[in-house]
Amino acid sequence: MGLEPKNLIIYSACKSNKSETRCPERRKSLALPVPSRLVSSLQLCVALSEALSAKLPNPLAVEEWYKQMPIITRSYLTAAVVTNIGCSLDIISPHNLYLNPILVVKQYQFWRLVTNFLYFRKMDLDFMFHMFFLARYCKLLEENSFRGRTADFFYMLLFGATVLTGIVLIGGMIPYLSESFAKIIFLSNSLTFMMVYVWSKQNPFIHMSFLGLFTFTAAYLPWVLLTFSVIVGASAWVDLLGMIAGHAYYFLEDVYPRMTGRRPLRTPSFIKALFADDPVVVARPENVRFAPPPVEELHQD
């Protein structure tokens, strides 16, 4: 994929006092070349600049960084990298991975329901951006918003994958939309965008700068990415599907329980049995004895 020096993305971000990690008082904006052919706005607006905003780690640091990843993020990232390397080496054919409802139902190729979330197209600069983007926001969610709730995080991804698959299948049966949905055969980017949407809803006070032109809070990040995707002529369907799935989860997990006192997205017990969640450490004053509430109560409205 060719690069055009005139195409530059400048992006910087810093977090408020309530953010998940401490941001330095001064952060340099980066001017970096981007691919001339734009597949999506994700890697252009966030991943490239965030990846290089810090010092590049040495190989040993990369290995340590990988080992310290939470289990879901590490597993998803590894599966995606292995799948794409296998396709690049012609060990695996993308034709055996894409979402095809007919083959799933009639030929029982159920693996397609999973593998279409693992393939990110060709092994190029665009792929590297997506991998960093996936690792970045998947890790942020699992280590912060879902800390000590690995089963809940896995259930969120399972819910998102189910919603995305359902939308594509139903959309393919609608006369005027079937042609557009027929082109969506891999949902990996949409699932990544869903994580961005959920992260932005749970961290709305993070301040960001887009292209050095204007600043906004993280709550508007999905809309900024969607708008930019439309401006550059890329398909907005990928981003829209991720936003729909992300908002469905956000509404059922955060909004609906506040309205009704009920939580419809309780993680099934058989999924919780698969993961040994780490206990959440609750800070307490000295010389004060108390038992911290259960994790379930900490995360229920």
Protein backbone atom coordinates (compact mmCIF):
# COMPACT_ATOMS: atom_id res chain seq x y z
CA MET A 1 0.00 0.00 0.00
CA GLY A 2 1.55 3.28 -1.10
CA LEU A 3 2.07 6.26 1.14
CA GLU A 4 1.55 9.88 0.22
CA PRO A 5 3.63 12.34 2.28
CA LYS A 6 0.98 15.01 1.89
CA ASN A 7 -1.56 12.93 3.76
CA LEU A 8 -0.94 13.69 7.41
CA ILE A 9 -2.81 12.86 10.55
CA ILE A 10 -2.13 14.86 13.68
CA TYR A 11 -3.66 13.53 16.83
CA SER A 12 -3.11 14.00 20.52
CA ALA A 13 -5.03 13.00 23.60
CA CYS A 14 -4.85 13.60 27.29
CA LYS A 15 -7.06 12.51 30.12
CA SER A 16 -8.87 14.30 32.89
CA ASN A 17 -8.16 13.71 36.57
CA LYS A 18 -10.79 10.98 36.62
CA SER A 19 -9.25 9.11 33.73
CA GLU A 20 -7.82 5.63 33.85
CA THR A 21 -4.11 6.53 33.49
CA ARG A 22 -2.08 9.65 34.12
CA CYS A 23 -1.33 11.80 31.10
CA PRO A 24 1.71 14.10 30.99
CA GLU A 25 1.05 17.80 31.14
CA ARG A 26 2.51 18.31 27.70
CA ARG A 27 2.14 15.84 24.86
CA LYS A 28 3.58 16.43 21.42
CA SER A 29 1.25 16.13 18.46
CA LEU A 30 2.46 13.84 15.70
CA ALA A 31 2.42 14.45 11.96
CA LEU A 32 2.52 11.09 10.24
CA PRO A 33 1.86 9.76 6.73
CA VAL A 34 -1.21 7.60 6.24
CA PRO A 35 -2.19 5.14 3.51
CA SER A 36 -3.65 6.72 0.37
CA ARG A 37 -6.39 4.10 0.22
CA LEU A 38 -8.56 4.38 3.29
CA VAL A 39 -10.26 1.21 4.44
CA SER A 40 -11.69 2.71 7.63
CA SER A 41 -11.11 5.72 9.84
CA LEU A 42 -10.12 3.77 12.94
CA GLN A 43 -6.41 3.28 12.38
CA LEU A 44 -6.02 6.75 10.88
CA CYS A 45 -7.50 8.78 13.70
CA VAL A 46 -6.39 6.96 16.80
CA ALA A 47 -4.11 3.98 16.46
CA LEU A 48 -1.28 5.51 14.45
CA SER A 49 -0.84 8.56 16.63
CA GLU A 50 -1.32 6.79 19.95
CA ALA A 51 1.10 4.05 18.95
CA LEU A 52 3.91 6.52 18.33
CA SER A 53 3.05 9.11 20.96
CA ALA A 54 5.23 7.20 23.41
CA LYS A 55 8.75 5.84 23.08
CA LEU A 56 8.98 2.71 20.99
CA PRO A 57 9.69 -0.27 23.27
CA ASN A 58 12.56 -2.69 22.74
CA PRO A 59 11.82 -6.35 21.89
CA LEU A 60 12.09 -7.44 25.53
CA ALA A 61 9.62 -4.77 26.56
CA VAL A 62 7.24 -5.91 23.82
CA GLU A 63 7.42 -9.47 25.13
CA GLU A 64 6.74 -8.28 28.66
CA TRP A 65 3.89 -6.08 27.40
CA TYR A 66 2.36 -9.08 25.66
CA LYS A 67 2.65 -11.30 28.73
CA GLN A 68 1.01 -8.67 30.92
CA MET A 69 -2.02 -8.37 28.67
CA PRO A 70 -5.29 -9.54 30.23
CA ILE A 71 -6.47 -12.94 29.05
CA ILE A 72 -9.26 -11.90 26.65
CA THR A 73 -7.22 -9.17 24.96
CA ARG A 74 -4.19 -11.43 24.59
CA SER A 75 -6.28 -14.31 23.23
CA TYR A 76 -8.17 -12.17 20.72
CA LEU A 77 -5.04 -10.38 19.52
CA THR A 78 -3.13 -13.65 19.17
CA ALA A 79 -5.95 -15.34 17.26
CA ALA A 80 -6.26 -12.36 14.90
CA VAL A 81 -2.51 -12.18 14.21
CA VAL A 82 -2.19 -15.95 13.67
CA THR A 83 -5.22 -15.97 11.36
CA ASN A 84 -3.92 -13.11 9.22
CA ILE A 85 -0.40 -14.54 9.05
CA GLY A 86 -1.87 -17.87 7.98
CA CYS A 87 -3.82 -16.16 5.21
CA SER A 88 -0.76 -14.21 4.07
CA LEU A 89 1.25 -17.43 3.80
CA ASP A 90 -1.62 -19.16 1.97
CA ILE A 91 -1.94 -21.67 4.79
CA ILE A 92 -5.50 -20.50 5.37
CA SER A 93 -7.85 -19.21 2.70
CA PRO A 94 -10.03 -16.17 3.51
CA HIS A 95 -12.75 -17.91 1.51
CA ASN A 96 -13.03 -20.37 4.39
CA LEU A 97 -13.34 -17.60 6.98
CA TYR A 98 -15.89 -15.07 5.75
CA LEU A 99 -19.49 -14.94 6.97
CA ASN A 100 -21.74 -16.92 4.63
CA PRO A 101 -25.19 -17.76 6.09
CA ILE A 102 -25.93 -20.33 3.38
CA LEU A 103 -22.77 -22.30 4.10
CA VAL A 104 -23.36 -22.03 7.83
CA VAL A 105 -26.90 -23.42 7.62
CA LYS A 106 -26.70 -25.89 4.75
CA GLN A 107 -23.13 -27.16 5.08
CA TYR A 108 -22.80 -26.71 8.87
CA GLN A 109 -19.71 -24.51 8.59
CA PHE A 110 -20.34 -22.97 11.99
CA TRP A 111 -16.75 -21.80 12.39
CA ARG A 112 -17.55 -18.92 10.05
CA LEU A 113 -19.57 -17.33 12.85
CA VAL A 114 -16.28 -16.89 14.71
CA THR A 115 -13.57 -16.62 12.06
CA ASN A 116 -15.13 -13.60 10.35
CA PHE A 117 -14.22 -11.64 13.51
CA LEU A 118 -10.55 -12.65 13.27
CA TYR A 119 -9.60 -11.62 9.74
CA PHE A 120 -8.53 -8.01 9.11
CA ARG A 121 -7.65 -8.33 5.41
CA LYS A 122 -4.07 -8.04 4.12
CA MET A 123 -0.90 -7.95 6.21
CA ASP A 124 0.11 -4.35 5.60
CA LEU A 125 0.39 -1.05 7.43
CA ASP A 126 -3.39 -0.92 7.70
CA PHE A 127 -3.35 -4.29 9.48
CA MET A 128 -0.73 -3.08 11.96
CA PHE A 129 -2.87 -0.06 12.79
CA HIS A 130 -5.88 -2.28 13.42
CA MET A 131 -3.89 -4.61 15.66
CA PHE A 132 -2.63 -1.74 17.79
CA PHE A 133 -6.12 -0.27 17.88
CA LEU A 134 -7.58 -3.62 18.95
CA ALA A 135 -4.95 -4.14 21.64
CA ARG A 136 -5.29 -0.57 22.90
CA TYR A 137 -9.03 -0.34 23.50
CA CYS A 138 -9.68 -3.98 24.26
CA LYS A 139 -6.98 -3.79 26.93
CA LEU A 140 -8.31 -0.51 28.34
CA LEU A 141 -11.79 -1.96 28.74
CA GLU A 142 -10.64 -5.25 30.25
CA GLU A 143 -8.18 -3.67 32.69
CA ASN A 144 -10.37 -0.79 33.82
CA SER A 145 -14.11 -0.86 33.17
CA PHE A 146 -14.17 -4.67 33.42
CA ARG A 147 -11.41 -5.13 35.95
CA GLY A 148 -12.06 -8.28 37.96
CA ARG A 149 -14.93 -9.15 35.61
CA THR A 150 -13.33 -11.19 32.85
CA ALA A 151 -16.50 -13.21 32.33
CA ASP A 152 -18.55 -10.02 31.92
CA PHE A 153 -16.10 -8.69 29.34
CA PHE A 154 -16.20 -11.94 27.38
CA TYR A 155 -20.00 -11.80 27.52
CA MET A 156 -19.93 -8.23 26.18
CA LEU A 157 -17.89 -9.36 23.17
CA LEU A 158 -20.19 -12.35 22.68
CA PHE A 159 -23.21 -10.06 22.83
CA GLY A 160 -21.66 -7.66 20.34
CA ALA A 161 -20.73 -10.44 17.93
CA THR A 162 -24.26 -11.82 18.12
CA VAL A 163 -25.85 -8.43 17.47
CA LEU A 164 -23.54 -7.70 14.53
CA THR A 165 -24.19 -11.10 12.97
CA GLY A 166 -27.93 -10.70 13.44
CA ILE A 167 -27.94 -7.26 11.82
CA VAL A 168 -26.05 -8.50 8.78
CA LEU A 169 -28.31 -11.54 8.38
CA ILE A 170 -31.51 -9.52 8.74
CA GLY A 171 -30.20 -6.69 6.57
CA GLY A 172 -29.40 -9.16 3.84
CA MET A 173 -33.09 -10.02 3.60
CA ILE A 174 -34.27 -6.40 3.19
CA PRO A 175 -34.71 -5.60 -0.54
CA TYR A 176 -33.15 -2.14 -0.68
CA LEU A 177 -30.36 -2.93 1.78
CA SER A 178 -29.46 -6.48 0.81
CA GLU A 179 -26.80 -5.40 -1.70
CA SER A 180 -24.98 -3.26 0.87
CA PHE A 181 -25.10 -5.93 3.56
CA ALA A 182 -23.95 -8.60 1.11
CA LYS A 183 -20.61 -6.79 0.89
CA ILE A 184 -20.06 -7.09 4.65
CA ILE A 185 -18.44 -10.50 4.99
CA PHE A 186 -15.98 -9.74 7.81
CA LEU A 187 -17.12 -8.09 11.05
CA SER A 188 -13.77 -7.73 12.81
CA ASN A 189 -13.61 -3.96 12.30
CA SER A 190 -17.20 -3.52 13.46
CA LEU A 191 -16.51 -5.42 16.68
CA THR A 192 -13.47 -3.22 17.28
CA PHE A 193 -15.59 -0.11 16.73
CA MET A 194 -18.11 -1.45 19.21
CA MET A 195 -15.38 -1.56 21.85
CA VAL A 196 -14.48 2.03 21.00
CA TYR A 197 -18.11 3.06 21.46
CA VAL A 198 -18.45 1.33 24.83
CA TRP A 199 -15.12 2.76 25.98
CA SER A 200 -16.16 6.28 24.96
CA LYS A 201 -19.40 5.96 26.92
CA GLN A 202 -17.61 4.77 30.03
CA ASN A 203 -14.81 7.35 29.77
CA PRO A 204 -16.58 10.48 28.52
CA PHE A 205 -14.23 13.01 30.15
CA ILE A 206 -11.08 12.18 28.21
CA HIS A 207 -10.03 15.16 26.06
CA MET A 208 -8.85 14.56 22.49
CA SER A 209 -7.64 16.66 19.58
CA PHE A 210 -8.51 15.69 16.02
CA LEU A 211 -6.17 16.73 13.19
CA GLY A 212 -5.04 19.59 15.37
CA LEU A 213 -8.19 21.44 14.31
CA PHE A 214 -10.55 21.01 17.24
CA THR A 215 -10.82 19.28 20.58
CA PHE A 216 -13.61 17.14 21.93
CA THR A 217 -14.32 14.70 24.72
CA ALA A 218 -14.21 10.94 24.27
CA ALA A 219 -18.00 10.77 24.34
CA TYR A 220 -17.97 12.16 20.79
CA LEU A 221 -15.12 9.98 19.50
CA PRO A 222 -17.35 7.48 17.61
CA TRP A 223 -19.19 10.31 15.86
CA VAL A 224 -15.95 12.05 14.91
CA LEU A 225 -14.60 8.81 13.45
CA LEU A 226 -17.84 8.16 11.59
CA THR A 227 -17.91 11.69 10.15
CA PHE A 228 -14.30 11.46 9.05
CA SER A 229 -14.99 8.08 7.44
CA VAL A 230 -17.78 9.65 5.38
CA ILE A 231 -15.65 12.66 4.42
CA VAL A 232 -12.81 10.56 3.03
CA GLY A 233 -15.24 8.42 1.06
CA ALA A 234 -14.88 5.19 3.04
CA SER A 235 -17.88 2.99 3.74
CA ALA A 236 -19.71 4.08 6.87
CA TRP A 237 -21.50 0.75 7.31
CA VAL A 238 -18.63 -0.78 9.27
CA ASP A 239 -18.63 2.06 11.79
CA LEU A 240 -22.42 2.24 11.97
CA LEU A 241 -22.76 -1.45 12.75
CA GLY A 242 -20.22 -1.11 15.55
CA MET A 243 -22.06 1.90 16.96
CA ILE A 244 -25.40 0.07 16.89
CA ALA A 245 -23.99 -2.96 18.69
CA GLY A 246 -22.13 -0.76 21.18
CA HIS A 247 -25.19 1.33 21.96
CA ALA A 248 -27.33 -1.77 22.37
CA TYR A 249 -24.92 -3.02 25.01
CA TYR A 250 -24.59 0.38 26.67
CA PHE A 251 -28.36 0.82 26.87
CA LEU A 252 -29.08 -2.65 28.25
CA GLU A 253 -26.15 -2.62 30.68
CA ASP A 254 -26.13 1.00 31.93
CA VAL A 255 -29.29 2.90 30.94
CA TYR A 256 -32.05 0.30 31.24
CA PRO A 257 -31.06 -0.85 34.77
CA ARG A 258 -31.27 2.76 35.99
CA MET A 259 -34.73 3.11 34.49
CA THR A 260 -36.22 -0.16 35.70
CA GLY A 261 -33.90 -1.56 38.35
CA ARG A 262 -33.42 -4.68 36.23
CA ARG A 263 -30.27 -5.87 34.54
CA PRO A 264 -31.11 -7.97 31.46
CA LEU A 265 -27.49 -8.66 30.48
CA ARG A 266 -26.45 -10.73 33.46
CA THR A 267 -23.57 -12.95 32.54
CA PRO A 268 -24.70 -16.60 32.50
CA SER A 269 -23.26 -18.77 35.24
CA PHE A 270 -21.69 -21.21 32.78
CA ILE A 271 -19.61 -18.37 31.31
CA LYS A 272 -18.55 -17.21 34.77
CA ALA A 273 -17.42 -20.75 35.50
CA LEU A 274 -14.94 -20.51 32.63
CA PHE A 275 -13.03 -17.59 34.14
CA ALA A 276 -11.43 -17.13 37.52
CA ASP A 277 -11.88 -13.40 38.02
CA ASP A 278 -9.33 -11.53 40.08
CA PRO A 279 -10.71 -9.88 43.23
CA VAL A 280 -11.21 -6.12 43.11
CA VAL A 281 -9.04 -4.33 45.67
CA VAL A 282 -10.96 -1.64 47.55
CA ALA A 283 -8.93 1.06 49.30
CA ARG A 284 -9.82 1.79 52.93
CA PRO A 285 -8.55 4.18 55.64
CA GLU A 286 -6.10 2.97 58.27
CA ASN A 287 -7.43 1.36 61.47
CA VAL A 288 -10.82 0.83 59.85
CA ARG A 289 -12.04 -2.70 59.39
CA PHE A 290 -14.70 -3.50 56.91
CA ALA A 291 -15.46 -6.10 54.30
CA PRO A 292 -15.63 -4.76 50.73
CA PRO A 293 -18.87 -5.54 48.92
CA PRO A 294 -18.96 -8.41 46.46
CA VAL A 295 -17.90 -7.70 42.89
CA GLU A 296 -21.47 -8.22 41.71
CA GLU A 297 -22.68 -5.36 43.91
CA LEU A 298 -19.87 -3.08 42.81
CA HIS A 299 -21.08 -3.20 39.23
CA GLN A 300 -24.83 -3.30 39.59
CA ASP A 301 -27.04 -0.23 39.70
